[in-house]
Amino acid sequence: MRSKDEKTRIEAFGSADSSKMPRAMKRRRKNRGVPPPATFDIDTLPDSSNLTALEAAAVIRRTPGALEQWRRDPNHPLKWRYVDGRPLYRVDAVRDYLAQRNRTTKTPQPHNAHGDGRGARP
C-alpha cells in the first residue's frame, strides 16, 4: 500500500481533465486553419522581399500545412528557399503563383452539368 505522502501521477498533477492540467504539461498544437487575410498589400512590397510561410499562406489563402506539403514537391510552381532553416517565399514568386492560378482556373460548372453540354435529366 501507499503511504499518505505518496500520490499517484494523476493526483500530483490534478485530474485527467485538461483544463486543470498545468500549462507546462499541455501539448501545444499547431493551428491548422487558414490564417486571416494578410494585413499588407502584396502589390506594394518590393519583389525581393521575403514572406514567412504564415504570411504567404495568408496571401494565397491556404493553410500553412498545405504549403508544407507543397515544399515536399520540388516541381511545385510556388517557389521557396530556406534561410537559417526556415522556408521563405519571395514576393515575386508569390505574385507569379497567383497570376498563374488566375490563368488556369476554370469557370465553375453546375453540380449536375454533363461534360458534353447536355443539361441534367429531370
Protein backbone atom coordinates (compact mmCIF):
# COMPACT_ATOMS: atom_id res chain seq x y z
CA MET A 1 0.00 0.00 0.00
CA ARG A 2 0.99 3.61 -0.40
CA SER A 3 1.83 5.99 2.38
CA LYS A 4 -0.01 9.27 2.89
CA ASP A 5 2.80 11.28 1.30
CA GLU A 6 2.82 9.26 -1.91
CA LYS A 7 0.50 10.43 -4.65
CA THR A 8 -0.36 8.91 -7.94
CA ARG A 9 0.65 10.78 -11.03
CA ILE A 10 -2.92 11.95 -11.63
CA GLU A 11 -3.28 13.19 -8.09
CA ALA A 12 0.02 15.08 -8.28
CA PHE A 13 -0.85 16.91 -11.48
CA GLY A 14 -4.55 17.31 -10.86
CA SER A 15 -7.30 15.41 -12.57
CA ALA A 16 -7.04 13.99 -16.06
CA ASP A 17 -9.19 16.92 -17.23
CA SER A 18 -7.01 19.09 -19.50
CA SER A 19 -8.46 22.33 -18.12
CA LYS A 20 -6.90 21.61 -14.73
CA MET A 21 -3.59 20.32 -16.08
CA PRO A 22 -0.60 22.63 -15.56
CA ARG A 23 0.38 24.70 -18.56
CA ALA A 24 3.79 23.07 -18.83
CA MET A 25 2.17 19.66 -19.27
CA LYS A 26 -0.18 20.66 -22.12
CA ARG A 27 0.97 19.82 -25.60
CA ARG A 28 0.93 22.80 -27.93
CA ARG A 29 -0.90 22.05 -31.13
CA LYS A 30 -0.45 23.73 -34.45
CA ASN A 31 -3.20 25.92 -35.75
CA ARG A 32 -4.11 24.05 -38.91
CA GLY A 33 -6.71 26.51 -40.19
CA VAL A 34 -6.42 29.11 -42.90
CA PRO A 35 -4.81 32.23 -41.44
CA PRO A 36 -6.72 35.52 -41.55
CA PRO A 37 -6.26 37.65 -44.68
CA ALA A 38 -2.94 39.45 -44.93
CA THR A 39 -2.80 42.87 -43.30
CA PHE A 40 -0.48 44.19 -46.00
CA ASP A 41 -0.85 44.71 -49.74
CA ILE A 42 1.42 42.34 -51.62
CA ASP A 43 1.43 44.65 -54.66
CA THR A 44 3.15 47.43 -52.69
CA LEU A 45 6.03 45.24 -51.48
CA PRO A 46 9.31 45.12 -53.41
CA ASP A 47 9.90 41.94 -55.44
CA SER A 48 12.95 40.99 -53.40
CA SER A 49 11.08 40.95 -50.07
CA ASN A 50 10.65 37.66 -48.28
CA LEU A 51 7.46 36.32 -46.71
CA THR A 52 7.27 33.71 -43.98
CA ALA A 53 5.19 30.60 -44.55
CA LEU A 54 2.36 32.05 -42.46
CA GLU A 55 2.39 35.34 -44.40
CA ALA A 56 2.48 33.52 -47.75
CA ALA A 57 -0.39 31.28 -46.62
CA ALA A 58 -2.40 34.38 -45.68
CA VAL A 59 -1.81 35.96 -49.09
CA ILE A 60 -2.76 32.90 -51.14
CA ARG A 61 -5.49 31.86 -48.66
CA ARG A 62 -4.23 28.34 -47.96
CA THR A 63 -3.20 26.64 -44.76
CA PRO A 64 0.45 26.63 -43.69
CA GLY A 65 0.17 22.82 -43.75
CA ALA A 66 -0.66 22.97 -47.46
CA LEU A 67 2.49 25.00 -48.09
CA GLU A 68 4.43 22.44 -46.07
CA GLN A 69 3.08 19.66 -48.30
CA TRP A 70 3.91 21.66 -51.42
CA ARG A 71 7.52 22.07 -50.27
CA ARG A 72 7.91 18.29 -50.48
CA ASP A 73 7.37 18.56 -54.25
CA PRO A 74 10.41 20.28 -55.81
CA ASN A 75 8.45 20.95 -59.02
CA HIS A 76 5.63 22.86 -57.35
CA PRO A 77 5.00 26.25 -59.01
CA LEU A 78 5.20 28.20 -55.72
CA LYS A 79 8.94 28.59 -55.19
CA TRP A 80 10.65 28.96 -51.82
CA ARG A 81 14.09 28.87 -50.29
CA TYR A 82 15.45 28.07 -46.88
CA VAL A 83 17.17 30.80 -44.88
CA ASP A 84 18.54 29.75 -41.50
CA GLY A 85 16.48 26.58 -41.73
CA ARG A 86 13.17 28.41 -42.27
CA PRO A 87 11.28 28.42 -45.55
CA LEU A 88 10.84 31.89 -47.04
CA TYR A 89 8.87 32.89 -50.11
CA ARG A 90 9.91 35.78 -52.33
CA VAL A 91 7.15 38.26 -53.09
CA ASP A 92 7.71 37.96 -56.85
CA ALA A 93 7.34 34.16 -56.62
CA VAL A 94 4.04 34.52 -54.74
CA ARG A 95 2.79 37.05 -57.32
CA ASP A 96 3.78 34.71 -60.17
CA TYR A 97 1.97 31.83 -58.48
CA LEU A 98 -1.18 33.90 -58.02
CA ALA A 99 -1.06 35.08 -61.64
CA GLN A 100 -0.63 31.50 -62.86
CA ARG A 101 -3.55 30.32 -60.70
CA ASN A 102 -5.76 33.08 -62.14
CA ARG A 103 -4.94 31.99 -65.70
CA THR A 104 -5.53 28.29 -65.11
CA THR A 105 -8.70 28.41 -63.05
CA LYS A 106 -11.74 27.03 -64.82
CA THR A 107 -15.18 28.54 -64.78
CA PRO A 108 -17.26 26.67 -62.23
CA GLN A 109 -19.72 24.15 -63.65
CA PRO A 110 -23.07 23.43 -62.05
CA HIS A 111 -23.00 20.28 -59.98
CA ASN A 112 -25.35 18.40 -62.28
CA ALA A 113 -23.89 19.53 -65.61
CA HIS A 114 -22.63 16.96 -68.11
CA GLY A 115 -19.30 17.37 -69.80
CA ASP A 116 -20.88 17.39 -73.27
CA GLY A 117 -23.11 20.38 -72.65
CA ARG A 118 -26.34 18.48 -72.06
CA GLY A 119 -28.50 19.53 -69.17
CA ALA A 120 -29.26 17.30 -66.25
CA ARG A 121 -32.02 14.73 -66.51
CA PRO A 122 -35.29 15.70 -64.87
